[in-house]
Amino acid sequence: MSCRSPALKALGLVSCGGVSNEGFTQLINKCPLLEDLLLVFCHNVGGRDVYEATGRACPQLRRFRLRKRAFCFHGSGEALGVAAMHGLRTLALLGSDVTNDELASVLDGCPHLELLHLSDDCFNIGADDALRARCARIKSLVLPPLHREIDDGDYYEIDVVGSDSD
C-alpha cells in the first residue's frame, strides 16, 4: 500500500487489532492527501498523540469517524488530539470518552465543522445549554441526552433538553 498511499484520499480500518499506533502513524505520514478517515473497533490505535500526528500529516482531512467499544479508551485527553484536525467538516465520535471541555477544544480547533455526531455511549458528555450554544454553528448536530439513568443493568435515556411545546 505504501507505494500508492501518497494519492490515497480515503482510508477505513475496521477491527484492525493487528495495527499498532506506530504502524498507523507510519501509514498516515505517507498519506498527505487523505480526506476521509474511518476507524472502527481498532483498539490498538488511538490516543491524543496519534490524532495530533494525523492532523499534522493530513492537512486535507475533512471527515473523521471513530467508533470504539464503550470503555475502551487510550487515556484522558484523547479527543484533544482531534482538535489538531483543523480542516474537519465531519466528526463522528461513537463510544468515546470525550468530555465537554475536550469537545470545546475540538470545536475551537475545527472551525469548519458542519456535522458533529456523538453517540449515546459517550458517557462523559452532558449536552447542557452551554454546550448546545457552543455547537450552534454546526449544521447537523447529534448529542447524547443530558440525563441518563441506569436501573438493574438496563440503559434508559431521558432527554430533557429542547422541548418546543412551551
Protein backbone atom coordinates (compact mmCIF):
# COMPACT_ATOMS: atom_id res chain seq x y z
CA MET A 1 0.00 0.00 0.00
CA SER A 2 2.83 2.45 0.75
CA CYS A 3 3.79 2.80 -2.93
CA ARG A 4 0.28 4.17 -3.73
CA SER A 5 -0.52 5.83 -0.42
CA PRO A 6 0.59 9.41 -1.29
CA ALA A 7 -2.51 9.70 -3.50
CA LEU A 8 -4.84 7.96 -1.03
CA LYS A 9 -7.90 10.09 -0.24
CA ALA A 10 -9.95 7.71 1.94
CA LEU A 11 -8.91 5.10 4.48
CA GLY A 12 -11.11 2.84 6.57
CA LEU A 13 -9.82 0.39 9.16
CA VAL A 14 -12.29 -1.97 10.84
CA SER A 15 -11.44 -4.40 13.66
CA CYS A 16 -7.75 -3.89 12.99
CA GLY A 17 -6.35 -5.48 16.15
CA GLY A 18 -3.03 -6.16 14.41
CA VAL A 19 -2.36 -2.47 13.73
CA SER A 20 -0.43 -0.52 16.38
CA ASN A 21 -0.19 3.21 16.97
CA GLU A 22 3.29 3.13 15.48
CA GLY A 23 2.18 1.30 12.33
CA PHE A 24 -0.85 3.54 11.91
CA THR A 25 1.24 6.70 12.32
CA GLN A 26 3.78 5.45 9.76
CA LEU A 27 0.97 4.85 7.28
CA ILE A 28 -0.72 8.19 7.93
CA ASN A 29 2.57 10.03 7.42
CA LYS A 30 2.61 8.62 3.87
CA CYS A 31 -0.91 9.87 3.09
CA PRO A 32 -0.76 13.69 2.89
CA LEU A 33 -3.84 13.89 0.63
CA LEU A 34 -6.10 11.88 2.95
CA GLU A 35 -9.55 13.48 3.23
CA ASP A 36 -11.64 10.74 4.87
CA LEU A 37 -10.61 8.52 7.80
CA LEU A 38 -12.73 5.81 9.41
CA LEU A 39 -11.54 3.82 12.45
CA VAL A 40 -13.93 1.18 13.79
CA PHE A 41 -13.04 -1.07 16.74
CA CYS A 42 -9.29 -0.56 16.26
CA HIS A 43 -8.44 -0.95 19.94
CA ASN A 44 -4.66 -0.60 19.44
CA VAL A 45 -4.95 2.66 17.52
CA GLY A 46 -5.72 5.90 19.31
CA GLY A 47 -4.68 8.50 21.79
CA ARG A 48 -4.00 12.19 21.75
CA ASP A 49 -0.54 11.88 20.15
CA VAL A 50 -1.84 9.68 17.32
CA TYR A 51 -4.70 12.02 16.47
CA GLU A 52 -2.46 15.10 16.65
CA ALA A 53 0.02 13.37 14.31
CA THR A 54 -2.86 12.57 11.96
CA GLY A 55 -3.90 16.22 11.90
CA ARG A 56 -0.35 17.33 11.09
CA ALA A 57 0.27 14.64 8.46
CA CYS A 58 -3.11 15.02 6.72
CA PRO A 59 -3.93 18.73 6.46
CA GLN A 60 -6.69 18.00 3.92
CA LEU A 61 -8.56 15.66 6.28
CA ARG A 62 -12.25 16.63 6.10
CA ARG A 63 -14.02 13.66 7.65
CA PHE A 64 -13.07 11.62 10.73
CA ARG A 65 -15.29 8.89 12.09
CA LEU A 66 -14.23 6.94 15.17
CA ARG A 67 -16.15 4.03 16.66
CA LYS A 68 -14.84 2.45 19.83
CA ARG A 69 -16.17 -0.09 22.18
CA ALA A 70 -17.59 1.60 25.25
CA PHE A 71 -14.97 1.96 27.98
CA CYS A 72 -12.06 1.12 25.62
CA PHE A 73 -10.02 4.29 25.97
CA HIS A 74 -6.46 5.38 25.29
CA GLY A 75 -6.29 7.71 28.26
CA SER A 76 -7.73 11.06 29.17
CA GLY A 77 -7.49 13.87 26.67
CA GLU A 78 -7.71 11.59 23.63
CA ALA A 79 -10.23 13.90 21.98
CA LEU A 80 -7.83 16.83 22.35
CA GLY A 81 -5.78 15.29 19.55
CA VAL A 82 -8.77 15.65 17.24
CA ALA A 83 -8.54 19.43 17.73
CA ALA A 84 -5.39 19.30 15.55
CA MET A 85 -7.50 18.21 12.57
CA HIS A 86 -8.25 21.82 11.66
CA GLY A 87 -9.90 21.17 8.30
CA LEU A 88 -12.57 18.76 9.55
CA ARG A 89 -16.09 19.22 8.24
CA THR A 90 -17.49 15.97 9.65
CA LEU A 91 -16.70 14.38 13.01
CA ALA A 92 -18.37 11.32 14.50
CA LEU A 93 -17.20 10.02 17.87
CA LEU A 94 -19.02 6.87 18.90
CA GLY A 95 -18.09 5.21 22.19
CA SER A 96 -15.60 7.97 23.00
CA ASP A 97 -14.66 9.22 26.46
CA VAL A 98 -14.74 12.84 25.28
CA THR A 99 -15.75 15.42 27.92
CA ASN A 100 -17.49 18.77 27.50
CA ASP A 101 -14.18 20.63 27.97
CA GLU A 102 -12.42 18.44 25.41
CA LEU A 103 -15.26 18.92 22.97
CA ALA A 104 -14.95 22.68 23.43
CA SER A 105 -11.28 22.37 22.40
CA VAL A 106 -12.29 20.34 19.35
CA LEU A 107 -14.84 23.00 18.38
CA ASP A 108 -12.17 25.70 18.72
CA GLY A 109 -9.61 23.69 16.74
CA CYS A 110 -12.03 22.67 13.98
CA PRO A 111 -13.73 25.91 12.93
CA HIS A 112 -15.15 24.45 9.68
CA LEU A 113 -17.07 21.64 11.39
CA GLU A 114 -20.52 21.19 9.81
CA LEU A 115 -21.56 17.78 11.14
CA LEU A 116 -20.93 16.53 14.67
CA HIS A 117 -22.28 13.20 15.88
CA LEU A 118 -21.66 11.99 19.43
CA SER A 119 -23.38 8.74 20.27
CA ASP A 120 -25.34 7.87 23.38
CA ASP A 121 -22.38 5.85 24.66
CA CYS A 122 -20.23 8.99 25.00
CA PHE A 123 -20.96 8.90 28.73
CA ASN A 124 -18.83 11.92 29.74
CA ILE A 125 -20.79 14.43 27.64
CA GLY A 126 -23.51 16.47 29.29
CA ALA A 127 -25.43 18.16 26.49
CA ASP A 128 -26.40 21.18 28.55
CA ASP A 129 -27.39 24.63 27.29
CA ALA A 130 -23.78 25.88 27.32
CA LEU A 131 -22.60 23.02 25.11
CA ARG A 132 -25.54 23.42 22.74
CA ALA A 133 -24.73 27.15 22.44
CA ARG A 134 -21.10 26.31 21.55
CA CYS A 135 -22.42 23.98 18.84
CA ALA A 136 -24.89 26.48 17.37
CA ARG A 137 -22.84 26.99 14.18
CA ILE A 138 -22.88 23.27 13.35
CA LYS A 139 -25.46 22.43 10.68
CA SER A 140 -26.06 18.80 11.69
CA LEU A 141 -25.69 18.03 15.39
CA VAL A 142 -26.34 14.82 17.33
CA LEU A 143 -25.54 14.91 21.04
CA PRO A 144 -26.29 12.37 23.75
CA PRO A 145 -29.22 13.20 26.04
CA LEU A 146 -28.50 15.41 29.03
CA HIS A 147 -29.60 12.86 31.64
CA ARG A 148 -29.27 9.10 31.72
CA GLU A 149 -30.41 6.64 34.31
CA ILE A 150 -29.24 3.10 34.83
CA ASP A 151 -31.59 0.71 36.60
CA ASP A 152 -31.00 -3.03 37.05
CA GLY A 153 -28.35 -3.05 34.33
CA ASP A 154 -30.69 -1.51 31.75
CA TYR A 155 -29.90 1.70 29.93
CA TYR A 156 -32.63 4.34 29.84
CA GLU A 157 -32.46 7.77 28.25
CA ILE A 158 -34.30 10.83 29.40
CA ASP A 159 -33.96 13.76 27.03
CA VAL A 160 -34.93 16.87 28.96
CA VAL A 161 -33.42 19.39 26.56
CA GLY A 162 -35.18 21.27 23.81
CA SER A 163 -38.93 20.96 24.36
CA ASP A 164 -40.54 23.25 21.79
CA SER A 165 -44.09 22.70 23.00
CA ASP A 166 -43.95 25.50 25.57
